[in-house]
Amino acid sequence: MALGVAYILTNRTAQGIAECEQAFALDRNLADAHAIIGLGKYLLGRAAETEGHIQEALRISPRDIFAFRWMAFVGVAKLMLSADADAVAWLRRSIEAKVGGF
């Protein structure tokens, strides 16, 4: 998964997604892998696919300390899709999760 993140952050997003999918295949409870795949799909212009990955990450690890980041990924993806009301809801949820500190 770390290699996948490195690929995504260095503009090799398709490779990064593939690495995260491999990590997830090895450990089905790796919520971060789903979240990073969601981010990668947003970066590839496939924002409509982001929310499903984040929902799965939240299902696997609902009290994860990084969930606020995952929620922000969806918020930004929703902005790309011009779903402004949904974007605001996800971004507010992200802020509340960070401030609330789980």
PDB file of N, CA and C in Angstrom:
ATOM      1  N   MET A   1       0.817  -1.179   0.000  1.00  0.00           N
ATOM      2  CA  MET A   1       0.000   0.000   0.000  1.00  0.00           C
ATOM      3  C   MET A   1       0.870   1.254   0.000  1.00  0.00           C
ATOM      4  N   ALA A   2       1.969   1.223   0.743  1.00  0.00           N
ATOM      5  CA  ALA A   2       2.858   2.383   0.787  1.00  0.00           C
ATOM      6  C   ALA A   2       3.416   2.687  -0.607  1.00  0.00           C
ATOM      7  N   LEU A   3       3.732   1.641  -1.356  1.00  0.00           N
ATOM      8  CA  LEU A   3       4.206   1.843  -2.723  1.00  0.00           C
ATOM      9  C   LEU A   3       3.103   2.470  -3.571  1.00  0.00           C
ATOM     10  N   GLY A   4       1.868   2.029  -3.362  1.00  0.00           N
ATOM     11  CA  GLY A   4       0.736   2.600  -4.079  1.00  0.00           C
ATOM     12  C   GLY A   4       0.590   4.082  -3.793  1.00  0.00           C
ATOM     13  N   VAL A   5       0.711   4.456  -2.543  1.00  0.00           N
ATOM     14  CA  VAL A   5       0.632   5.875  -2.168  1.00  0.00           C
ATOM     15  C   VAL A   5       1.753   6.649  -2.856  1.00  0.00           C
ATOM     16  N   ALA A   6       2.957   6.092  -2.834  1.00  0.00           N
ATOM     17  CA  ALA A   6       4.098   6.767  -3.473  1.00  0.00           C
ATOM     18  C   ALA A   6       3.846   6.963  -4.962  1.00  0.00           C
ATOM     19  N   TYR A   7       3.318   5.948  -5.621  1.00  0.00           N
ATOM     20  CA  TYR A   7       3.003   6.077  -7.044  1.00  0.00           C
ATOM     21  C   TYR A   7       1.959   7.168  -7.276  1.00  0.00           C
ATOM     22  N   ILE A   8       0.919   7.161  -6.474  1.00  0.00           N
ATOM     23  CA  ILE A   8      -0.146   8.152  -6.657  1.00  0.00           C
ATOM     24  C   ILE A   8       0.387   9.557  -6.436  1.00  0.00           C
ATOM     25  N   LEU A   9       1.219   9.734  -5.431  1.00  0.00           N
ATOM     26  CA  LEU A   9       1.753  11.067  -5.131  1.00  0.00           C
ATOM     27  C   LEU A   9       2.817  11.522  -6.121  1.00  0.00           C
ATOM     28  N   THR A  10       3.298  10.609  -6.962  1.00  0.00           N
ATOM     29  CA  THR A  10       4.300  10.968  -7.967  1.00  0.00           C
ATOM     30  C   THR A  10       3.727  10.834  -9.381  1.00  0.00           C
ATOM     31  N   ASN A  11       2.418  11.026  -9.472  1.00  0.00           N
ATOM     32  CA  ASN A  11       1.726  11.100 -10.760  1.00  0.00           C
ATOM     33  C   ASN A  11       1.761   9.793 -11.567  1.00  0.00           C
ATOM     34  N   ARG A  12       1.793   8.673 -10.865  1.00  0.00           N
ATOM     35  CA  ARG A  12       1.684   7.356 -11.506  1.00  0.00           C
ATOM     36  C   ARG A  12       0.466   6.663 -10.894  1.00  0.00           C
ATOM     37  N   THR A  13      -0.652   7.312 -11.072  1.00  0.00           N
ATOM     38  CA  THR A  13      -1.868   6.942 -10.359  1.00  0.00           C
ATOM     39  C   THR A  13      -2.363   5.549 -10.683  1.00  0.00           C
ATOM     40  N   ALA A  14      -2.364   5.161 -11.945  1.00  0.00           N
ATOM     41  CA  ALA A  14      -2.843   3.819 -12.310  1.00  0.00           C
ATOM     42  C   ALA A  14      -1.999   2.738 -11.631  1.00  0.00           C
ATOM     43  N   GLN A  15      -0.693   2.939 -11.594  1.00  0.00           N
ATOM     44  CA  GLN A  15       0.183   1.991 -10.899  1.00  0.00           C
ATOM     45  C   GLN A  15      -0.119   1.982  -9.404  1.00  0.00           C
ATOM     46  N   GLY A  16      -0.384   3.142  -8.850  1.00  0.00           N
ATOM     47  CA  GLY A  16      -0.697   3.252  -7.426  1.00  0.00           C
ATOM     48  C   GLY A  16      -1.968   2.517  -7.065  1.00  0.00           C
ATOM     49  N   ILE A  17      -2.972   2.660  -7.907  1.00  0.00           N
ATOM     50  CA  ILE A  17      -4.223   1.942  -7.671  1.00  0.00           C
ATOM     51  C   ILE A  17      -3.973   0.438  -7.715  1.00  0.00           C
ATOM     52  N   ALA A  18      -3.202  -0.005  -8.687  1.00  0.00           N
ATOM     53  CA  ALA A  18      -2.907  -1.442  -8.806  1.00  0.00           C
ATOM     54  C   ALA A  18      -2.188  -1.966  -7.562  1.00  0.00           C
ATOM     55  N   GLU A  19      -1.262  -1.205  -7.034  1.00  0.00           N
ATOM     56  CA  GLU A  19      -0.543  -1.620  -5.824  1.00  0.00           C
ATOM     57  C   GLU A  19      -1.485  -1.678  -4.621  1.00  0.00           C
ATOM     58  N   CYS A  20      -2.366  -0.706  -4.510  1.00  0.00           N
ATOM     59  CA  CYS A  20      -3.327  -0.711  -3.403  1.00  0.00           C
ATOM     60  C   CYS A  20      -4.318  -1.862  -3.535  1.00  0.00           C
ATOM     61  N   GLU A  21      -4.708  -2.186  -4.756  1.00  0.00           N
ATOM     62  CA  GLU A  21      -5.585  -3.340  -4.964  1.00  0.00           C
ATOM     63  C   GLU A  21      -4.876  -4.632  -4.550  1.00  0.00           C
ATOM     64  N   GLN A  22      -3.589  -4.715  -4.839  1.00  0.00           N
ATOM     65  CA  GLN A  22      -2.803  -5.885  -4.420  1.00  0.00           C
ATOM     66  C   GLN A  22      -2.721  -5.947  -2.894  1.00  0.00           C
ATOM     67  N   ALA A  23      -2.506  -4.817  -2.259  1.00  0.00           N
ATOM     68  CA  ALA A  23      -2.445  -4.774  -0.794  1.00  0.00           C
ATOM     69  C   ALA A  23      -3.776  -5.205  -0.206  1.00  0.00           C
ATOM     70  N   PHE A  24      -4.851  -4.728  -0.796  1.00  0.00           N
ATOM     71  CA  PHE A  24      -6.177  -5.090  -0.310  1.00  0.00           C
ATOM     72  C   PHE A  24      -6.451  -6.575  -0.519  1.00  0.00           C
ATOM     73  N   ALA A  25      -5.947  -7.142  -1.602  1.00  0.00           N
ATOM     74  CA  ALA A  25      -6.111  -8.581  -1.845  1.00  0.00           C
ATOM     75  C   ALA A  25      -5.403  -9.401  -0.768  1.00  0.00           C
ATOM     76  N   LEU A  26      -4.317  -8.874  -0.240  1.00  0.00           N
ATOM     77  CA  LEU A  26      -3.559  -9.564   0.806  1.00  0.00           C
ATOM     78  C   LEU A  26      -4.183  -9.387   2.187  1.00  0.00           C
ATOM     79  N   ASP A  27      -4.857  -8.250   2.395  1.00  0.00           N
ATOM     80  CA  ASP A  27      -5.471  -7.970   3.694  1.00  0.00           C
ATOM     81  C   ASP A  27      -6.789  -7.253   3.461  1.00  0.00           C
ATOM     82  N   ARG A  28      -7.883  -7.993   3.513  1.00  0.00           N
ATOM     83  CA  ARG A  28      -9.215  -7.452   3.252  1.00  0.00           C
ATOM     84  C   ARG A  28      -9.633  -6.397   4.269  1.00  0.00           C
ATOM     85  N   ASN A  29      -8.953  -6.284   5.379  1.00  0.00           N
ATOM     86  CA  ASN A  29      -9.286  -5.305   6.408  1.00  0.00           C
ATOM     87  C   ASN A  29      -8.453  -4.032   6.303  1.00  0.00           C
ATOM     88  N   LEU A  30      -7.768  -3.858   5.204  1.00  0.00           N
ATOM     89  CA  LEU A  30      -6.913  -2.686   5.024  1.00  0.00           C
ATOM     90  C   LEU A  30      -7.749  -1.528   4.470  1.00  0.00           C
ATOM     91  N   ALA A  31      -8.405  -0.839   5.369  1.00  0.00           N
ATOM     92  CA  ALA A  31      -9.307   0.249   4.982  1.00  0.00           C
ATOM     93  C   ALA A  31      -8.572   1.344   4.212  1.00  0.00           C
ATOM     94  N   ASP A  32      -7.345   1.633   4.606  1.00  0.00           N
ATOM     95  CA  ASP A  32      -6.578   2.672   3.915  1.00  0.00           C
ATOM     96  C   ASP A  32      -6.431   2.370   2.430  1.00  0.00           C
ATOM     97  N   ALA A  33      -6.307   1.104   2.075  1.00  0.00           N
ATOM     98  CA  ALA A  33      -6.163   0.747   0.661  1.00  0.00           C
ATOM     99  C   ALA A  33      -7.397   1.187  -0.122  1.00  0.00           C
ATOM    100  N   HIS A  34      -8.571   0.960   0.442  1.00  0.00           N
ATOM    101  CA  HIS A  34      -9.787   1.425  -0.237  1.00  0.00           C
ATOM    102  C   HIS A  34      -9.781   2.938  -0.372  1.00  0.00           C
ATOM    103  N   ALA A  35      -9.432   3.626   0.690  1.00  0.00           N
ATOM    104  CA  ALA A  35      -9.440   5.089   0.662  1.00  0.00           C
ATOM    105  C   ALA A  35      -8.461   5.626  -0.377  1.00  0.00           C
ATOM    106  N   ILE A  36      -7.292   5.045  -0.452  1.00  0.00           N
ATOM    107  CA  ILE A  36      -6.285   5.505  -1.410  1.00  0.00           C
ATOM    108  C   ILE A  36      -6.726   5.200  -2.840  1.00  0.00           C
ATOM    109  N   ILE A  37      -7.368   4.053  -3.042  1.00  0.00           N
ATOM    110  CA  ILE A  37      -7.919   3.756  -4.372  1.00  0.00           C
ATOM    111  C   ILE A  37      -8.954   4.812  -4.744  1.00  0.00           C
ATOM    112  N   GLY A  38      -9.796   5.182  -3.792  1.00  0.00           N
ATOM    113  CA  GLY A  38     -10.787   6.230  -4.046  1.00  0.00           C
ATOM    114  C   GLY A  38     -10.140   7.543  -4.443  1.00  0.00           C
ATOM    115  N   LEU A  39      -9.082   7.919  -3.740  1.00  0.00           N
ATOM    116  CA  LEU A  39      -8.345   9.135  -4.084  1.00  0.00           C
ATOM    117  C   LEU A  39      -7.757   9.016  -5.483  1.00  0.00           C
ATOM    118  N   GLY A  40      -7.159   7.878  -5.772  1.00  0.00           N
ATOM    119  CA  GLY A  40      -6.559   7.670  -7.087  1.00  0.00           C
ATOM    120  C   GLY A  40      -7.579   7.791  -8.206  1.00  0.00           C
ATOM    121  N   LYS A  41      -8.751   7.239  -7.985  1.00  0.00           N
ATOM    122  CA  LYS A  41      -9.782   7.322  -9.024  1.00  0.00           C
ATOM    123  C   LYS A  41     -10.224   8.763  -9.234  1.00  0.00           C
ATOM    124  N   TYR A  42     -10.297   9.527  -8.174  1.00  0.00           N
ATOM    125  CA  TYR A  42     -10.585  10.961  -8.318  1.00  0.00           C
ATOM    126  C   TYR A  42      -9.513  11.625  -9.184  1.00  0.00           C
ATOM    127  N   LEU A  43      -8.259  11.330  -8.896  1.00  0.00           N
ATOM    128  CA  LEU A  43      -7.157  11.941  -9.636  1.00  0.00           C
ATOM    129  C   LEU A  43      -7.151  11.530 -11.102  1.00  0.00           C
ATOM    130  N   LEU A  44      -7.699  10.363 -11.411  1.00  0.00           N
ATOM    131  CA  LEU A  44      -7.788   9.909 -12.794  1.00  0.00           C
ATOM    132  C   LEU A  44      -9.021  10.464 -13.510  1.00  0.00           C
ATOM    133  N   GLY A  45      -9.794  11.296 -12.809  1.00  0.00           N
ATOM    134  CA  GLY A  45     -10.995  11.857 -13.407  1.00  0.00           C
ATOM    135  C   GLY A  45     -12.201  10.944 -13.290  1.00  0.00           C
ATOM    136  N   ARG A  46     -12.110   9.963 -12.411  1.00  0.00           N
ATOM    137  CA  ARG A  46     -13.201   9.010 -12.187  1.00  0.00           C
ATOM    138  C   ARG A  46     -13.824   9.259 -10.816  1.00  0.00           C
ATOM    139  N   ALA A  47     -14.156  10.516 -10.574  1.00  0.00           N
ATOM    140  CA  ALA A  47     -14.647  10.951  -9.268  1.00  0.00           C
ATOM    141  C   ALA A  47     -15.908  10.217  -8.832  1.00  0.00           C
ATOM    142  N   ALA A  48     -16.714   9.789  -9.774  1.00  0.00           N
ATOM    143  CA  ALA A  48     -17.952   9.090  -9.418  1.00  0.00           C
ATOM    144  C   ALA A  48     -17.679   7.778  -8.693  1.00  0.00           C
ATOM    145  N   GLU A  49     -16.482   7.244  -8.829  1.00  0.00           N
ATOM    146  CA  GLU A  49     -16.124   5.981  -8.185  1.00  0.00           C
ATOM    147  C   GLU A  49     -15.529   6.156  -6.788  1.00  0.00           C
ATOM    148  N   THR A  50     -15.214   7.373  -6.425  1.00  0.00           N
ATOM    149  CA  THR A  50     -14.537   7.638  -5.158  1.00  0.00           C
ATOM    150  C   THR A  50     -15.394   7.272  -3.946  1.00  0.00           C
ATOM    151  N   GLU A  51     -16.637   7.696  -3.946  1.00  0.00           N
ATOM    152  CA  GLU A  51     -17.481   7.515  -2.764  1.00  0.00           C
ATOM    153  C   GLU A  51     -17.624   6.047  -2.368  1.00  0.00           C
ATOM    154  N   GLY A  52     -17.767   5.167  -3.325  1.00  0.00           N
ATOM    155  CA  GLY A  52     -17.915   3.744  -3.003  1.00  0.00           C
ATOM    156  C   GLY A  52     -16.718   3.192  -2.254  1.00  0.00           C
ATOM    157  N   HIS A  53     -15.536   3.609  -2.662  1.00  0.00           N
ATOM    158  CA  HIS A  53     -14.323   3.141  -1.978  1.00  0.00           C
ATOM    159  C   HIS A  53     -14.236   3.708  -0.560  1.00  0.00           C
ATOM    160  N   ILE A  54     -14.622   4.956  -0.411  1.00  0.00           N
ATOM    161  CA  ILE A  54     -14.583   5.568   0.918  1.00  0.00           C
ATOM    162  C   ILE A  54     -15.639   4.932   1.818  1.00  0.00           C
ATOM    163  N   GLN A  55     -16.809   4.672   1.273  1.00  0.00           N
ATOM    164  CA  GLN A  55     -17.846   4.002   2.065  1.00  0.00           C
ATOM    165  C   GLN A  55     -17.342   2.645   2.562  1.00  0.00           C
ATOM    166  N   GLU A  56     -16.631   1.924   1.711  1.00  0.00           N
ATOM    167  CA  GLU A  56     -16.095   0.622   2.123  1.00  0.00           C
ATOM    168  C   GLU A  56     -15.012   0.789   3.194  1.00  0.00           C
ATOM    169  N   ALA A  57     -14.160   1.793   3.045  1.00  0.00           N
ATOM    170  CA  ALA A  57     -13.141   2.066   4.066  1.00  0.00           C
ATOM    171  C   ALA A  57     -13.797   2.381   5.409  1.00  0.00           C
ATOM    172  N   LEU A  58     -14.855   3.188   5.372  1.00  0.00           N
ATOM    173  CA  LEU A  58     -15.564   3.535   6.604  1.00  0.00           C
ATOM    174  C   LEU A  58     -16.287   2.331   7.200  1.00  0.00           C
ATOM    175  N   ARG A  59     -16.763   1.435   6.360  1.00  0.00           N
ATOM    176  CA  ARG A  59     -17.407   0.223   6.856  1.00  0.00           C
ATOM    177  C   ARG A  59     -16.385  -0.661   7.581  1.00  0.00           C
ATOM    178  N   ILE A  60     -15.213  -0.772   6.997  1.00  0.00           N
ATOM    179  CA  ILE A  60     -14.165  -1.618   7.572  1.00  0.00           C
ATOM    180  C   ILE A  60     -13.618  -1.006   8.858  1.00  0.00           C
ATOM    181  N   SER A  61     -13.434   0.299   8.851  1.00  0.00           N
ATOM    182  CA  SER A  61     -12.801   0.965   9.991  1.00  0.00           C
ATOM    183  C   SER A  61     -13.530   2.276  10.318  1.00  0.00           C
ATOM    184  N   PRO A  62     -14.730   2.188  10.894  1.00  0.00           N
ATOM    185  CA  PRO A  62     -15.553   3.384  11.104  1.00  0.00           C
ATOM    186  C   PRO A  62     -14.976   4.401  12.076  1.00  0.00           C
ATOM    187  N   ARG A  63     -14.062   3.998  12.924  1.00  0.00           N
ATOM    188  CA  ARG A  63     -13.500   4.927  13.906  1.00  0.00           C
ATOM    189  C   ARG A  63     -12.029   5.219  13.633  1.00  0.00           C
ATOM    190  N   ASP A  64     -11.628   5.029  12.391  1.00  0.00           N
ATOM    191  CA  ASP A  64     -10.238   5.245  11.994  1.00  0.00           C
ATOM    192  C   ASP A  64      -9.840   6.706  12.219  1.00  0.00           C
ATOM    193  N   ILE A  65      -8.635   6.926  12.710  1.00  0.00           N
ATOM    194  CA  ILE A  65      -8.192   8.294  12.996  1.00  0.00           C
ATOM    195  C   ILE A  65      -7.982   9.118  11.724  1.00  0.00           C
ATOM    196  N   PHE A  66      -7.897   8.456  10.575  1.00  0.00           N
ATOM    197  CA  PHE A  66      -7.718   9.173   9.316  1.00  0.00           C
ATOM    198  C   PHE A  66      -9.010   9.280   8.511  1.00  0.00           C
ATOM    199  N   ALA A  67     -10.128   8.875   9.083  1.00  0.00           N
ATOM    200  CA  ALA A  67     -11.399   8.903   8.357  1.00  0.00           C
ATOM    201  C   ALA A  67     -11.751  10.309   7.886  1.00  0.00           C
ATOM    202  N   PHE A  68     -11.349  11.320   8.616  1.00  0.00           N
ATOM    203  CA  PHE A  68     -11.638  12.690   8.190  1.00  0.00           C
ATOM    204  C   PHE A  68     -11.016  12.982   6.835  1.00  0.00           C
ATOM    205  N   ARG A  69      -9.844  12.406   6.569  1.00  0.00           N
ATOM    206  CA  ARG A  69      -9.203  12.592   5.258  1.00  0.00           C
ATOM    207  C   ARG A  69     -10.012  11.902   4.173  1.00  0.00           C
ATOM    208  N   TRP A  70     -10.446  10.697   4.484  1.00  0.00           N
ATOM    209  CA  TRP A  70     -11.236   9.941   3.507  1.00  0.00           C
ATOM    210  C   TRP A  70     -12.487  10.711   3.133  1.00  0.00           C
ATOM    211  N   MET A  71     -13.150  11.284   4.134  1.00  0.00           N
ATOM    212  CA  MET A  71     -14.373  12.051   3.886  1.00  0.00           C
ATOM    213  C   MET A  71     -14.080  13.268   3.015  1.00  0.00           C
ATOM    214  N   ALA A  72     -12.942  13.881   3.224  1.00  0.00           N
ATOM    215  CA  ALA A  72     -12.551  15.030   2.407  1.00  0.00           C
ATOM    216  C   ALA A  72     -12.324  14.602   0.956  1.00  0.00           C
ATOM    217  N   PHE A  73     -11.780  13.393   0.745  1.00  0.00           N
ATOM    218  CA  PHE A  73     -11.615  12.892  -0.629  1.00  0.00           C
ATOM    219  C   PHE A  73     -12.958  12.879  -1.347  1.00  0.00           C
ATOM    220  N   VAL A  74     -13.992  12.404  -0.656  1.00  0.00           N
ATOM    221  CA  VAL A  74     -15.319  12.348  -1.275  1.00  0.00           C
ATOM    222  C   VAL A  74     -15.837  13.762  -1.523  1.00  0.00           C
ATOM    223  N   GLY A  75     -15.634  14.647  -0.568  1.00  0.00           N
ATOM    224  CA  GLY A  75     -16.082  16.022  -0.745  1.00  0.00           C
ATOM    225  C   GLY A  75     -15.493  16.671  -1.983  1.00  0.00           C
ATOM    226  N   VAL A  76     -14.218  16.498  -2.181  1.00  0.00           N
ATOM    227  CA  VAL A  76     -13.555  17.073  -3.353  1.00  0.00           C
ATOM    228  C   VAL A  76     -14.044  16.386  -4.633  1.00  0.00           C
ATOM    229  N   ALA A  77     -14.238  15.066  -4.566  1.00  0.00           N
ATOM    230  CA  ALA A  77     -14.758  14.340  -5.732  1.00  0.00           C
ATOM    231  C   ALA A  77     -16.147  14.846  -6.098  1.00  0.00           C
ATOM    232  N   LYS A  78     -16.971  15.102  -5.090  1.00  0.00           N
ATOM    233  CA  LYS A  78     -18.318  15.614  -5.347  1.00  0.00           C
ATOM    234  C   LYS A  78     -18.259  16.999  -5.991  1.00  0.00           C
ATOM    235  N   LEU A  79     -17.281  17.807  -5.609  1.00  0.00           N
ATOM    236  CA  LEU A  79     -17.116  19.108  -6.263  1.00  0.00           C
ATOM    237  C   LEU A  79     -16.810  18.922  -7.742  1.00  0.00           C
ATOM    238  N   MET A  80     -15.959  17.954  -8.063  1.00  0.00           N
ATOM    239  CA  MET A  80     -15.625  17.681  -9.455  1.00  0.00           C
ATOM    240  C   MET A  80     -16.870  17.288 -10.249  1.00  0.00           C
ATOM    241  N   LEU A  81     -17.794  16.630  -9.565  1.00  0.00           N
ATOM    242  CA  LEU A  81     -19.019  16.161 -10.217  1.00  0.00           C
ATOM    243  C   LEU A  81     -20.133  17.215 -10.199  1.00  0.00           C
ATOM    244  N   SER A  82     -19.812  18.405  -9.678  1.00  0.00           N
ATOM    245  CA  SER A  82     -20.783  19.505  -9.540  1.00  0.00           C
ATOM    246  C   SER A  82     -21.948  19.136  -8.625  1.00  0.00           C
ATOM    247  N   ALA A  83     -21.702  18.244  -7.692  1.00  0.00           N
ATOM    248  CA  ALA A  83     -22.700  17.879  -6.683  1.00  0.00           C
ATOM    249  C   ALA A  83     -22.379  18.678  -5.426  1.00  0.00           C
ATOM    250  N   ASP A  84     -22.612  19.976  -5.513  1.00  0.00           N
ATOM    251  CA  ASP A  84     -22.162  20.897  -4.474  1.00  0.00           C
ATOM    252  C   ASP A  84     -22.759  20.618  -3.105  1.00  0.00           C
ATOM    253  N   ALA A  85     -24.041  20.316  -3.038  1.00  0.00           N
ATOM    254  CA  ALA A  85     -24.671  20.053  -1.732  1.00  0.00           C
ATOM    255  C   ALA A  85     -24.058  18.811  -1.087  1.00  0.00           C
ATOM    256  N   ASP A  86     -23.838  17.774  -1.880  1.00  0.00           N
ATOM    257  CA  ASP A  86     -23.197  16.567  -1.351  1.00  0.00           C
ATOM    258  C   ASP A  86     -21.761  16.863  -0.914  1.00  0.00           C
ATOM    259  N   ALA A  87     -21.080  17.689  -1.700  1.00  0.00           N
ATOM    260  CA  ALA A  87     -19.702  18.056  -1.358  1.00  0.00           C
ATOM    261  C   ALA A  87     -19.654  18.747  -0.007  1.00  0.00           C
ATOM    262  N   VAL A  88     -20.547  19.698   0.192  1.00  0.00           N
ATOM    263  CA  VAL A  88     -20.588  20.425   1.464  1.00  0.00           C
ATOM    264  C   VAL A  88     -20.861  19.460   2.610  1.00  0.00           C
ATOM    265  N   ALA A  89     -21.792  18.539   2.413  1.00  0.00           N
ATOM    266  CA  ALA A  89     -22.120  17.579   3.481  1.00  0.00           C
ATOM    267  C   ALA A  89     -20.912  16.727   3.837  1.00  0.00           C
ATOM    268  N   TRP A  90     -20.201  16.217   2.823  1.00  0.00           N
ATOM    269  CA  TRP A  90     -19.024  15.395   3.100  1.00  0.00           C
ATOM    270  C   TRP A  90     -17.896  16.210   3.735  1.00  0.00           C
ATOM    271  N   LEU A  91     -17.696  17.430   3.272  1.00  0.00           N
ATOM    272  CA  LEU A  91     -16.624  18.253   3.831  1.00  0.00           C
ATOM    273  C   LEU A  91     -16.932  18.668   5.266  1.00  0.00           C
ATOM    274  N   ARG A  92     -18.194  18.955   5.549  1.00  0.00           N
ATOM    275  CA  ARG A  92     -18.579  19.250   6.936  1.00  0.00           C
ATOM    276  C   ARG A  92     -18.367  18.028   7.818  1.00  0.00           C
ATOM    277  N   ARG A  93     -18.745  16.881   7.302  1.00  0.00           N
ATOM    278  CA  ARG A  93     -18.544  15.626   8.048  1.00  0.00           C
ATOM    279  C   ARG A  93     -17.056  15.422   8.334  1.00  0.00           C
ATOM    280  N   SER A  94     -16.225  15.737   7.364  1.00  0.00           N
ATOM    281  CA  SER A  94     -14.774  15.617   7.538  1.00  0.00           C
ATOM    282  C   SER A  94     -14.278  16.532   8.659  1.00  0.00           C
ATOM    283  N   ILE A  95     -14.732  17.770   8.630  1.00  0.00           N
ATOM    284  CA  ILE A  95     -14.323  18.728   9.662  1.00  0.00           C
ATOM    285  C   ILE A  95     -14.792  18.280  11.040  1.00  0.00           C
ATOM    286  N   GLU A  96     -16.040  17.842  11.118  1.00  0.00           N
ATOM    287  CA  GLU A  96     -16.578  17.379  12.405  1.00  0.00           C
ATOM    288  C   GLU A  96     -15.820  16.162  12.929  1.00  0.00           C
ATOM    289  N   ALA A  97     -15.427  15.269  12.033  1.00  0.00           N
ATOM    290  CA  ALA A  97     -14.668  14.082  12.453  1.00  0.00           C
ATOM    291  C   ALA A  97     -13.289  14.477  12.974  1.00  0.00           C
ATOM    292  N   LYS A  98     -12.672  15.459  12.335  1.00  0.00           N
ATOM    293  CA  LYS A  98     -11.346  15.908  12.770  1.00  0.00           C
ATOM    294  C   LYS A  98     -11.428  16.674  14.083  1.00  0.00           C
ATOM    295  N   VAL A  99     -12.373  17.571  14.172  1.00  0.00           N
ATOM    296  CA  VAL A  99     -12.529  18.385  15.393  1.00  0.00           C
ATOM    297  C   VAL A  99     -12.986  17.523  16.552  1.00  0.00           C
ATOM    298  N   GLY A 100     -13.926  16.615  16.273  1.00  0.00           N
ATOM    299  CA  GLY A 100     -14.435  15.729  17.308  1.00  0.00           C
ATOM    300  C   GLY A 100     -13.395  14.737  17.793  1.00  0.00           C
ATOM    301  N   GLY A 101     -12.422  14.462  16.929  1.00  0.00           N
ATOM    302  CA  GLY A 101     -11.320  13.596  17.308  1.00  0.00           C
ATOM    303  C   GLY A 101     -11.676  12.142  17.522  1.00  0.00           C
ATOM    304  N   PHE A 102     -12.882  11.770  17.083  1.00  0.00           N
ATOM    305  CA  PHE A 102     -13.332  10.367  17.242  1.00  0.00           C
ATOM    306  C   PHE A 102     -13.079   9.945  18.662  1.00  0.00           C
TER     307      PHE A 102
END
